[in-house]
């Protein structure tokens, strides 16, 4: 009998890996993590007493300047202090009702507070005040995407891109929609554009890597996932993606370690939990050694 895996076991292995890839692509399509300039990562330094005191001093000197409230509101938002951020954006709008930026900023805070209807109303108001404001289309598009309204989301990202936006989120999120519909070549092009605009962010590399993987280009996928890890070692998605390539190669020991790293970073990350269950104790397959 020839050494290595039997045809049946190889088939089972490919099926398991295919299911894993499908799960990861599905997760990527509904991923709530926003790259670059959304307030997704809490930065406590932004809400430090020193920083807020400095921004408050500016407001004391110019109490009728809406931009001063916008700036402090953004600092509160990045620190995760959404209620104080909301107060500042409310004040900015009261001082300048035509401030489309303040409406878009407040919309983002409403979104993170879970009030999607108020967020949508504020994005709509920002666009009505300035129909060329790319950030409002991107924000509203993400709201639509997360609600499963893919056509409207695509239209908003497309509009921002037509406005010559330099915001990588427009390309990244349109890429996610292409990816979710299986149009991986278009997705790769959008992720590449997002990477060119934000080369030090891991999100575009993870997105592009998943589409490479779906097209069977494991080497480019592996390179992208490793780049994502190098840029941010604390992102569970990157480690799970790297593990998937190891698993496809039959290097289950390495896959198990990467899945475990992802699970340690995010205990609720289902692809990592499932990956650990598949690979831990499985060892390296004979096929990968021959």
C-alpha atoms as a PDB file:
ATOM      1  CA  UNK A   1       0.000   0.000   0.000  1.00  0.00           C
ATOM      2  CA  UNK A   2       1.313   3.463  -0.860  1.00  0.00           C
ATOM      3  CA  UNK A   3       2.328   5.602   2.089  1.00  0.00           C
ATOM      4  CA  UNK A   4       0.405   8.723   2.996  1.00  0.00           C
ATOM      5  CA  UNK A   5      -3.233   9.559   3.475  1.00  0.00           C
ATOM      6  CA  UNK A   6      -5.904   7.386   1.915  1.00  0.00           C
ATOM      7  CA  UNK A   7      -8.069   8.954  -0.775  1.00  0.00           C
ATOM      8  CA  UNK A   8     -11.003   8.983   1.647  1.00  0.00           C
ATOM      9  CA  UNK A   9      -9.072  10.735   4.420  1.00  0.00           C
ATOM     10  CA  UNK A  10      -7.642  13.262   1.966  1.00  0.00           C
ATOM     11  CA  UNK A  11     -11.181  14.018   0.803  1.00  0.00           C
ATOM     12  CA  UNK A  12     -12.366  14.470   4.404  1.00  0.00           C
ATOM     13  CA  UNK A  13      -9.435  16.792   5.077  1.00  0.00           C
ATOM     14  CA  UNK A  14     -10.217  18.910   2.015  1.00  0.00           C
ATOM     15  CA  UNK A  15     -13.891  19.086   2.969  1.00  0.00           C
ATOM     16  CA  UNK A  16     -13.051  20.182   6.536  1.00  0.00           C
ATOM     17  CA  UNK A  17     -10.701  22.852   5.221  1.00  0.00           C
ATOM     18  CA  UNK A  18     -13.272  24.010   2.675  1.00  0.00           C
ATOM     19  CA  UNK A  19     -15.843  24.386   5.452  1.00  0.00           C
ATOM     20  CA  UNK A  20     -13.300  26.339   7.501  1.00  0.00           C
ATOM     21  CA  UNK A  21     -12.576  28.670   4.595  1.00  0.00           C
ATOM     22  CA  UNK A  22     -16.275  29.189   3.969  1.00  0.00           C
ATOM     23  CA  UNK A  23     -16.763  30.103   7.629  1.00  0.00           C
ATOM     24  CA  UNK A  24     -13.899  32.564   7.558  1.00  0.00           C
ATOM     25  CA  UNK A  25     -15.111  34.202   4.356  1.00  0.00           C
ATOM     26  CA  UNK A  26     -18.592  34.446   5.813  1.00  0.00           C
ATOM     27  CA  UNK A  27     -17.190  36.037   8.937  1.00  0.00           C
ATOM     28  CA  UNK A  28     -15.124  38.463   6.869  1.00  0.00           C
ATOM     29  CA  UNK A  29     -18.240  39.515   5.022  1.00  0.00           C
ATOM     30  CA  UNK A  30     -20.020  40.451   8.255  1.00  0.00           C
ATOM     31  CA  UNK A  31     -16.982  41.597  10.179  1.00  0.00           C
ATOM     32  CA  UNK A  32     -17.706  44.650  12.313  1.00  0.00           C
ATOM     33  CA  UNK A  33     -14.097  45.677  12.678  1.00  0.00           C
ATOM     34  CA  UNK A  34     -13.460  48.926  10.861  1.00  0.00           C
ATOM     35  CA  UNK A  35     -10.046  49.872   9.581  1.00  0.00           C
ATOM     36  CA  UNK A  36      -8.150  53.082   9.997  1.00  0.00           C
ATOM     37  CA  UNK A  37     -10.275  55.993  11.119  1.00  0.00           C
ATOM     38  CA  UNK A  38     -13.428  54.626  12.736  1.00  0.00           C
ATOM     39  CA  UNK A  39     -13.426  54.703  16.527  1.00  0.00           C
ATOM     40  CA  UNK A  40     -13.199  50.937  16.937  1.00  0.00           C
ATOM     41  CA  UNK A  41     -10.184  50.653  19.205  1.00  0.00           C
ATOM     42  CA  UNK A  42     -10.323  52.300  22.573  1.00  0.00           C
ATOM     43  CA  UNK A  43      -7.411  54.676  23.087  1.00  0.00           C
ATOM     44  CA  UNK A  44      -7.433  55.636  26.757  1.00  0.00           C
ATOM     45  CA  UNK A  45      -4.770  58.288  26.152  1.00  0.00           C
ATOM     46  CA  UNK A  46      -7.338  60.247  24.138  1.00  0.00           C
ATOM     47  CA  UNK A  47      -9.531  60.438  27.233  1.00  0.00           C
ATOM     48  CA  UNK A  48      -6.763  61.141  29.699  1.00  0.00           C
ATOM     49  CA  UNK A  49      -7.263  63.992  32.132  1.00  0.00           C
ATOM     50  CA  UNK A  50      -4.365  65.843  30.558  1.00  0.00           C
ATOM     51  CA  UNK A  51      -5.685  65.588  27.008  1.00  0.00           C
ATOM     52  CA  UNK A  52      -9.288  66.422  27.886  1.00  0.00           C
ATOM     53  CA  UNK A  53      -8.136  69.304  30.098  1.00  0.00           C
ATOM     54  CA  UNK A  54      -6.145  70.716  27.189  1.00  0.00           C
ATOM     55  CA  UNK A  55      -9.112  70.472  24.824  1.00  0.00           C
ATOM     56  CA  UNK A  56     -11.457  71.888  27.472  1.00  0.00           C
ATOM     57  CA  UNK A  57      -9.135  74.876  27.875  1.00  0.00           C
ATOM     58  CA  UNK A  58      -9.561  75.601  24.174  1.00  0.00           C
ATOM     59  CA  UNK A  59     -13.348  75.484  24.600  1.00  0.00           C
ATOM     60  CA  UNK A  60     -13.140  77.867  27.562  1.00  0.00           C
ATOM     61  CA  UNK A  61     -11.226  80.325  25.402  1.00  0.00           C
ATOM     62  CA  UNK A  62     -13.579  79.918  22.421  1.00  0.00           C
ATOM     63  CA  UNK A  63     -16.898  78.667  23.830  1.00  0.00           C
ATOM     64  CA  UNK A  64     -18.792  79.396  20.605  1.00  0.00           C
ATOM     65  CA  UNK A  65     -16.463  77.502  18.307  1.00  0.00           C
ATOM     66  CA  UNK A  66     -18.237  74.335  17.091  1.00  0.00           C
ATOM     67  CA  UNK A  67     -14.984  72.836  15.841  1.00  0.00           C
ATOM     68  CA  UNK A  68     -13.567  72.864  19.369  1.00  0.00           C
ATOM     69  CA  UNK A  69     -16.474  70.683  20.511  1.00  0.00           C
ATOM     70  CA  UNK A  70     -16.024  68.454  17.462  1.00  0.00           C
ATOM     71  CA  UNK A  71     -12.381  67.861  18.362  1.00  0.00           C
ATOM     72  CA  UNK A  72     -13.066  67.119  22.030  1.00  0.00           C
ATOM     73  CA  UNK A  73     -16.013  64.928  21.059  1.00  0.00           C
ATOM     74  CA  UNK A  74     -13.752  62.880  18.810  1.00  0.00           C
ATOM     75  CA  UNK A  75     -11.271  62.489  21.679  1.00  0.00           C
ATOM     76  CA  UNK A  76     -14.022  61.296  23.992  1.00  0.00           C
ATOM     77  CA  UNK A  77     -15.251  58.917  21.298  1.00  0.00           C
ATOM     78  CA  UNK A  78     -11.825  57.383  20.698  1.00  0.00           C
ATOM     79  CA  UNK A  79     -11.504  56.856  24.436  1.00  0.00           C
ATOM     80  CA  UNK A  80     -14.832  55.021  24.512  1.00  0.00           C
ATOM     81  CA  UNK A  81     -16.576  57.776  26.480  1.00  0.00           C
ATOM     82  CA  UNK A  82     -19.532  57.903  24.119  1.00  0.00           C
ATOM     83  CA  UNK A  83     -21.944  59.852  26.305  1.00  0.00           C
ATOM     84  CA  UNK A  84     -19.533  62.762  26.707  1.00  0.00           C
ATOM     85  CA  UNK A  85     -18.772  62.587  22.988  1.00  0.00           C
ATOM     86  CA  UNK A  86     -22.485  62.789  22.245  1.00  0.00           C
ATOM     87  CA  UNK A  87     -22.837  65.908  24.397  1.00  0.00           C
ATOM     88  CA  UNK A  88     -20.008  67.627  22.534  1.00  0.00           C
ATOM     89  CA  UNK A  89     -21.400  66.790  19.095  1.00  0.00           C
ATOM     90  CA  UNK A  90     -24.841  67.963  20.237  1.00  0.00           C
ATOM     91  CA  UNK A  91     -23.274  71.276  21.227  1.00  0.00           C
ATOM     92  CA  UNK A  92     -21.357  71.548  17.964  1.00  0.00           C
ATOM     93  CA  UNK A  93     -24.623  71.089  16.051  1.00  0.00           C
ATOM     94  CA  UNK A  94     -26.437  73.594  18.265  1.00  0.00           C
ATOM     95  CA  UNK A  95     -23.751  76.171  17.512  1.00  0.00           C
ATOM     96  CA  UNK A  96     -23.606  75.336  13.801  1.00  0.00           C
ATOM     97  CA  UNK A  97     -26.694  73.483  12.507  1.00  0.00           C
ATOM     98  CA  UNK A  98     -25.098  73.221   9.057  1.00  0.00           C
ATOM     99  CA  UNK A  99     -22.070  71.306  10.367  1.00  0.00           C
ATOM    100  CA  UNK A 100     -22.206  68.140   8.265  1.00  0.00           C
ATOM    101  CA  UNK A 101     -19.060  66.865   9.983  1.00  0.00           C
ATOM    102  CA  UNK A 102     -20.685  67.086  13.407  1.00  0.00           C
ATOM    103  CA  UNK A 103     -23.708  65.130  12.157  1.00  0.00           C
ATOM    104  CA  UNK A 104     -21.463  62.413  10.709  1.00  0.00           C
ATOM    105  CA  UNK A 105     -19.438  62.305  13.930  1.00  0.00           C
ATOM    106  CA  UNK A 106     -22.563  62.018  16.034  1.00  0.00           C
ATOM    107  CA  UNK A 107     -23.894  59.308  13.723  1.00  0.00           C
ATOM    108  CA  UNK A 108     -20.826  57.200  14.447  1.00  0.00           C
ATOM    109  CA  UNK A 109     -21.331  57.597  18.186  1.00  0.00           C
ATOM    110  CA  UNK A 110     -25.002  56.629  17.879  1.00  0.00           C
ATOM    111  CA  UNK A 111     -23.898  53.569  15.924  1.00  0.00           C
ATOM    112  CA  UNK A 112     -21.518  52.462  18.660  1.00  0.00           C
ATOM    113  CA  UNK A 113     -24.195  53.108  21.266  1.00  0.00           C
ATOM    114  CA  UNK A 114     -26.510  50.766  19.340  1.00  0.00           C
ATOM    115  CA  UNK A 115     -28.996  53.367  18.101  1.00  0.00           C
ATOM    116  CA  UNK A 116     -28.880  52.580  14.390  1.00  0.00           C
ATOM    117  CA  UNK A 117     -31.974  54.642  13.495  1.00  0.00           C
ATOM    118  CA  UNK A 118     -30.520  57.843  14.926  1.00  0.00           C
ATOM    119  CA  UNK A 119     -27.201  57.031  13.270  1.00  0.00           C
ATOM    120  CA  UNK A 120     -28.913  56.655   9.895  1.00  0.00           C
ATOM    121  CA  UNK A 121     -30.848  59.906  10.385  1.00  0.00           C
ATOM    122  CA  UNK A 122     -27.624  61.789  11.137  1.00  0.00           C
ATOM    123  CA  UNK A 123     -25.795  60.328   8.136  1.00  0.00           C
ATOM    124  CA  UNK A 124     -28.742  61.314   5.951  1.00  0.00           C
ATOM    125  CA  UNK A 125     -28.646  64.838   7.382  1.00  0.00           C
ATOM    126  CA  UNK A 126     -24.889  65.112   6.798  1.00  0.00           C
ATOM    127  CA  UNK A 127     -25.373  64.090   3.168  1.00  0.00           C
ATOM    128  CA  UNK A 128     -28.264  66.508   2.702  1.00  0.00           C
ATOM    129  CA  UNK A 129     -26.022  69.302   3.982  1.00  0.00           C
ATOM    130  CA  UNK A 130     -23.082  68.267   1.803  1.00  0.00           C
ATOM    131  CA  UNK A 131     -23.763  65.776  -0.968  1.00  0.00           C
ATOM    132  CA  UNK A 132     -20.016  65.500  -1.643  1.00  0.00           C
ATOM    133  CA  UNK A 133     -19.012  64.448   1.873  1.00  0.00           C
ATOM    134  CA  UNK A 134     -17.372  61.082   1.315  1.00  0.00           C
ATOM    135  CA  UNK A 135     -17.103  60.138   5.014  1.00  0.00           C
ATOM    136  CA  UNK A 136     -20.890  60.280   5.418  1.00  0.00           C
ATOM    137  CA  UNK A 137     -21.424  57.914   2.484  1.00  0.00           C
ATOM    138  CA  UNK A 138     -18.822  55.534   3.904  1.00  0.00           C
ATOM    139  CA  UNK A 139     -20.407  55.629   7.364  1.00  0.00           C
ATOM    140  CA  UNK A 140     -23.915  55.152   6.030  1.00  0.00           C
ATOM    141  CA  UNK A 141     -22.702  52.403   3.715  1.00  0.00           C
ATOM    142  CA  UNK A 142     -21.244  50.524   6.665  1.00  0.00           C
ATOM    143  CA  UNK A 143     -24.526  50.907   8.522  1.00  0.00           C
ATOM    144  CA  UNK A 144     -26.312  49.398   5.527  1.00  0.00           C
ATOM    145  CA  UNK A 145     -23.706  46.617   5.167  1.00  0.00           C
ATOM    146  CA  UNK A 146     -24.039  45.525   8.775  1.00  0.00           C
ATOM    147  CA  UNK A 147     -27.836  45.518   8.376  1.00  0.00           C
ATOM    148  CA  UNK A 148     -27.564  43.200   5.356  1.00  0.00           C
ATOM    149  CA  UNK A 149     -28.626  45.923   2.910  1.00  0.00           C
ATOM    150  CA  UNK A 150     -25.800  45.100   0.537  1.00  0.00           C
ATOM    151  CA  UNK A 151     -27.091  46.915  -2.554  1.00  0.00           C
ATOM    152  CA  UNK A 152     -27.498  50.216  -0.716  1.00  0.00           C
ATOM    153  CA  UNK A 153     -24.140  49.723   0.992  1.00  0.00           C
ATOM    154  CA  UNK A 154     -22.443  49.114  -2.348  1.00  0.00           C
ATOM    155  CA  UNK A 155     -24.017  52.261  -3.788  1.00  0.00           C
ATOM    156  CA  UNK A 156     -22.730  54.371  -0.915  1.00  0.00           C
ATOM    157  CA  UNK A 157     -19.177  53.004  -1.105  1.00  0.00           C
ATOM    158  CA  UNK A 158     -19.281  53.466  -4.876  1.00  0.00           C
ATOM    159  CA  UNK A 159     -20.401  57.086  -4.430  1.00  0.00           C
ATOM    160  CA  UNK A 160     -17.528  57.804  -2.039  1.00  0.00           C
ATOM    161  CA  UNK A 161     -15.083  56.283  -4.515  1.00  0.00           C
ATOM    162  CA  UNK A 162     -16.559  58.338  -7.356  1.00  0.00           C
ATOM    163  CA  UNK A 163     -15.902  61.400  -5.186  1.00  0.00           C
ATOM    164  CA  UNK A 164     -12.186  60.463  -5.318  1.00  0.00           C
ATOM    165  CA  UNK A 165     -12.065  59.614  -1.629  1.00  0.00           C
ATOM    166  CA  UNK A 166      -8.679  58.881  -0.125  1.00  0.00           C
ATOM    167  CA  UNK A 167     -10.338  57.033   2.762  1.00  0.00           C
ATOM    168  CA  UNK A 168      -9.306  53.351   2.564  1.00  0.00           C
ATOM    169  CA  UNK A 169     -12.521  52.249   4.254  1.00  0.00           C
ATOM    170  CA  UNK A 170     -14.505  52.815   1.060  1.00  0.00           C
ATOM    171  CA  UNK A 171     -12.350  50.384  -0.899  1.00  0.00           C
ATOM    172  CA  UNK A 172     -11.990  47.921   1.969  1.00  0.00           C
ATOM    173  CA  UNK A 173     -15.717  47.685   2.568  1.00  0.00           C
ATOM    174  CA  UNK A 174     -16.612  47.499  -1.111  1.00  0.00           C
ATOM    175  CA  UNK A 175     -14.025  44.723  -1.289  1.00  0.00           C
ATOM    176  CA  UNK A 176     -15.828  42.902   1.514  1.00  0.00           C
ATOM    177  CA  UNK A 177     -19.067  43.083  -0.458  1.00  0.00           C
ATOM    178  CA  UNK A 178     -17.350  41.741  -3.571  1.00  0.00           C
ATOM    179  CA  UNK A 179     -15.824  38.992  -1.451  1.00  0.00           C
ATOM    180  CA  UNK A 180     -19.161  38.040   0.076  1.00  0.00           C
ATOM    181  CA  UNK A 181     -20.640  37.631  -3.418  1.00  0.00           C
ATOM    182  CA  UNK A 182     -17.718  35.509  -4.620  1.00  0.00           C
ATOM    183  CA  UNK A 183     -16.219  38.178  -6.889  1.00  0.00           C
ATOM    184  CA  UNK A 184     -12.745  37.668  -5.509  1.00  0.00           C
ATOM    185  CA  UNK A 185     -10.730  39.298  -8.278  1.00  0.00           C
ATOM    186  CA  UNK A 186     -12.642  42.556  -7.815  1.00  0.00           C
ATOM    187  CA  UNK A 187     -12.251  42.152  -4.054  1.00  0.00           C
ATOM    188  CA  UNK A 188      -8.481  41.734  -4.400  1.00  0.00           C
ATOM    189  CA  UNK A 189      -8.273  44.933  -6.448  1.00  0.00           C
ATOM    190  CA  UNK A 190     -10.223  46.874  -3.809  1.00  0.00           C
ATOM    191  CA  UNK A 191      -8.194  45.473  -0.929  1.00  0.00           C
ATOM    192  CA  UNK A 192      -5.005  46.356  -2.815  1.00  0.00           C
ATOM    193  CA  UNK A 193      -6.226  49.946  -3.163  1.00  0.00           C
ATOM    194  CA  UNK A 194      -7.070  50.068   0.548  1.00  0.00           C
ATOM    195  CA  UNK A 195      -3.582  48.782   1.316  1.00  0.00           C
ATOM    196  CA  UNK A 196      -2.010  51.464  -0.862  1.00  0.00           C
ATOM    197  CA  UNK A 197      -3.903  54.110   1.124  1.00  0.00           C
ATOM    198  CA  UNK A 198      -3.177  52.545   4.541  1.00  0.00           C
ATOM    199  CA  UNK A 199      -0.130  50.276   4.174  1.00  0.00           C
ATOM    200  CA  UNK A 200       0.436  50.027   7.923  1.00  0.00           C
ATOM    201  CA  UNK A 201      -3.022  48.681   8.731  1.00  0.00           C
ATOM    202  CA  UNK A 202      -3.613  44.893   8.824  1.00  0.00           C
ATOM    203  CA  UNK A 203      -7.207  44.841   7.599  1.00  0.00           C
ATOM    204  CA  UNK A 204      -6.580  45.093   3.875  1.00  0.00           C
ATOM    205  CA  UNK A 205      -3.999  42.319   4.013  1.00  0.00           C
ATOM    206  CA  UNK A 206      -6.401  40.006   5.825  1.00  0.00           C
ATOM    207  CA  UNK A 207      -9.177  40.755   3.367  1.00  0.00           C
ATOM    208  CA  UNK A 208      -6.998  40.272   0.311  1.00  0.00           C
ATOM    209  CA  UNK A 209      -5.480  37.127   1.774  1.00  0.00           C
ATOM    210  CA  UNK A 210      -8.898  35.520   2.195  1.00  0.00           C
ATOM    211  CA  UNK A 211      -9.753  36.181  -1.439  1.00  0.00           C
ATOM    212  CA  UNK A 212      -6.381  34.849  -2.553  1.00  0.00           C
ATOM    213  CA  UNK A 213      -7.117  31.741  -0.500  1.00  0.00           C
ATOM    214  CA  UNK A 214     -10.551  31.365  -2.076  1.00  0.00           C
ATOM    215  CA  UNK A 215      -8.879  31.454  -5.501  1.00  0.00           C
ATOM    216  CA  UNK A 216      -6.358  28.805  -4.479  1.00  0.00           C
ATOM    217  CA  UNK A 217      -3.386  31.193  -4.281  1.00  0.00           C
ATOM    218  CA  UNK A 218      -2.145  29.969  -0.918  1.00  0.00           C
ATOM    219  CA  UNK A 219       1.308  31.541  -1.158  1.00  0.00           C
ATOM    220  CA  UNK A 220       0.082  35.092  -1.658  1.00  0.00           C
ATOM    221  CA  UNK A 221      -2.561  34.509   1.009  1.00  0.00           C
ATOM    222  CA  UNK A 222       0.079  33.327   3.477  1.00  0.00           C
ATOM    223  CA  UNK A 223       2.254  36.362   2.736  1.00  0.00           C
ATOM    224  CA  UNK A 224      -0.668  38.707   3.355  1.00  0.00           C
ATOM    225  CA  UNK A 225      -1.662  37.032   6.623  1.00  0.00           C
ATOM    226  CA  UNK A 226       1.915  37.131   7.895  1.00  0.00           C
ATOM    227  CA  UNK A 227       2.134  40.823   6.989  1.00  0.00           C
ATOM    228  CA  UNK A 228      -1.082  41.456   8.932  1.00  0.00           C
ATOM    229  CA  UNK A 229       0.419  39.717  11.966  1.00  0.00           C
ATOM    230  CA  UNK A 230       3.616  41.723  11.682  1.00  0.00           C
ATOM    231  CA  UNK A 231       1.614  44.948  11.620  1.00  0.00           C
ATOM    232  CA  UNK A 232      -0.591  43.985  14.592  1.00  0.00           C
ATOM    233  CA  UNK A 233       0.109  40.879  16.657  1.00  0.00           C
ATOM    234  CA  UNK A 234      -3.055  41.368  18.707  1.00  0.00           C
ATOM    235  CA  UNK A 235      -5.614  40.764  15.959  1.00  0.00           C
ATOM    236  CA  UNK A 236      -7.222  37.336  16.325  1.00  0.00           C
ATOM    237  CA  UNK A 237      -8.388  37.259  12.710  1.00  0.00           C
ATOM    238  CA  UNK A 238      -4.815  37.358  11.383  1.00  0.00           C
ATOM    239  CA  UNK A 239      -3.680  34.366  13.427  1.00  0.00           C
ATOM    240  CA  UNK A 240      -6.764  32.337  12.465  1.00  0.00           C
ATOM    241  CA  UNK A 241      -6.147  33.154   8.809  1.00  0.00           C
ATOM    242  CA  UNK A 242      -2.513  32.080   9.077  1.00  0.00           C
ATOM    243  CA  UNK A 243      -3.652  28.871  10.786  1.00  0.00           C
ATOM    244  CA  UNK A 244      -5.990  28.094   7.917  1.00  0.00           C
ATOM    245  CA  UNK A 245      -3.072  28.060   5.459  1.00  0.00           C
ATOM    246  CA  UNK A 246      -1.103  25.786   7.771  1.00  0.00           C
ATOM    247  CA  UNK A 247      -4.137  23.524   7.993  1.00  0.00           C
ATOM    248  CA  UNK A 248      -4.498  23.365   4.216  1.00  0.00           C
ATOM    249  CA  UNK A 249      -0.828  22.367   4.032  1.00  0.00           C
ATOM    250  CA  UNK A 250      -1.421  19.597   6.554  1.00  0.00           C
ATOM    251  CA  UNK A 251       0.806  21.279   9.154  1.00  0.00           C
ATOM    252  CA  UNK A 252      -1.680  20.753  11.945  1.00  0.00           C
ATOM    253  CA  UNK A 253       0.752  21.396  14.815  1.00  0.00           C
ATOM    254  CA  UNK A 254       1.488  24.881  13.488  1.00  0.00           C
ATOM    255  CA  UNK A 255      -2.174  25.431  12.676  1.00  0.00           C
ATOM    256  CA  UNK A 256      -3.198  24.473  16.216  1.00  0.00           C
ATOM    257  CA  UNK A 257      -0.711  26.930  17.709  1.00  0.00           C
ATOM    258  CA  UNK A 258      -1.952  29.788  15.516  1.00  0.00           C
ATOM    259  CA  UNK A 259      -5.598  28.978  16.204  1.00  0.00           C
ATOM    260  CA  UNK A 260      -4.788  28.878  19.925  1.00  0.00           C
ATOM    261  CA  UNK A 261      -3.125  32.289  19.696  1.00  0.00           C
ATOM    262  CA  UNK A 262      -6.238  33.681  18.000  1.00  0.00           C
ATOM    263  CA  UNK A 263      -8.484  32.126  20.647  1.00  0.00           C
ATOM    264  CA  UNK A 264      -6.376  33.614  23.444  1.00  0.00           C
ATOM    265  CA  UNK A 265      -6.808  37.046  21.890  1.00  0.00           C
ATOM    266  CA  UNK A 266     -10.542  36.602  21.339  1.00  0.00           C
ATOM    267  CA  UNK A 267     -12.221  33.698  23.193  1.00  0.00           C
ATOM    268  CA  UNK A 268     -15.460  34.338  21.253  1.00  0.00           C
ATOM    269  CA  UNK A 269     -13.863  34.068  17.798  1.00  0.00           C
ATOM    270  CA  UNK A 270     -15.682  31.033  16.361  1.00  0.00           C
ATOM    271  CA  UNK A 271     -13.214  30.177  13.528  1.00  0.00           C
ATOM    272  CA  UNK A 272     -10.387  29.989  16.079  1.00  0.00           C
ATOM    273  CA  UNK A 273     -12.407  27.842  18.470  1.00  0.00           C
ATOM    274  CA  UNK A 274     -13.443  25.489  15.666  1.00  0.00           C
ATOM    275  CA  UNK A 275      -9.905  25.410  14.298  1.00  0.00           C
ATOM    276  CA  UNK A 276      -8.450  24.389  17.632  1.00  0.00           C
ATOM    277  CA  UNK A 277     -10.973  21.568  17.846  1.00  0.00           C
ATOM    278  CA  UNK A 278     -10.030  20.333  14.374  1.00  0.00           C
ATOM    279  CA  UNK A 279      -6.257  20.507  14.669  1.00  0.00           C
ATOM    280  CA  UNK A 280      -5.193  20.124  18.284  1.00  0.00           C
ATOM    281  CA  UNK A 281      -3.694  16.694  18.753  1.00  0.00           C
ATOM    282  CA  UNK A 282      -4.052  15.866  15.066  1.00  0.00           C
ATOM    283  CA  UNK A 283      -0.328  16.206  14.437  1.00  0.00           C
ATOM    284  CA  UNK A 284       1.305  16.714  11.068  1.00  0.00           C
ATOM    285  CA  UNK A 285      -0.200  14.570   8.336  1.00  0.00           C
ATOM    286  CA  UNK A 286       1.827  12.059   6.404  1.00  0.00           C
ATOM    287  CA  UNK A 287       0.961  13.881   3.196  1.00  0.00           C
ATOM    288  CA  UNK A 288       2.774  17.005   4.366  1.00  0.00           C
ATOM    289  CA  UNK A 289       5.906  15.025   5.128  1.00  0.00           C
ATOM    290  CA  UNK A 290       6.250  13.129   1.845  1.00  0.00           C
END
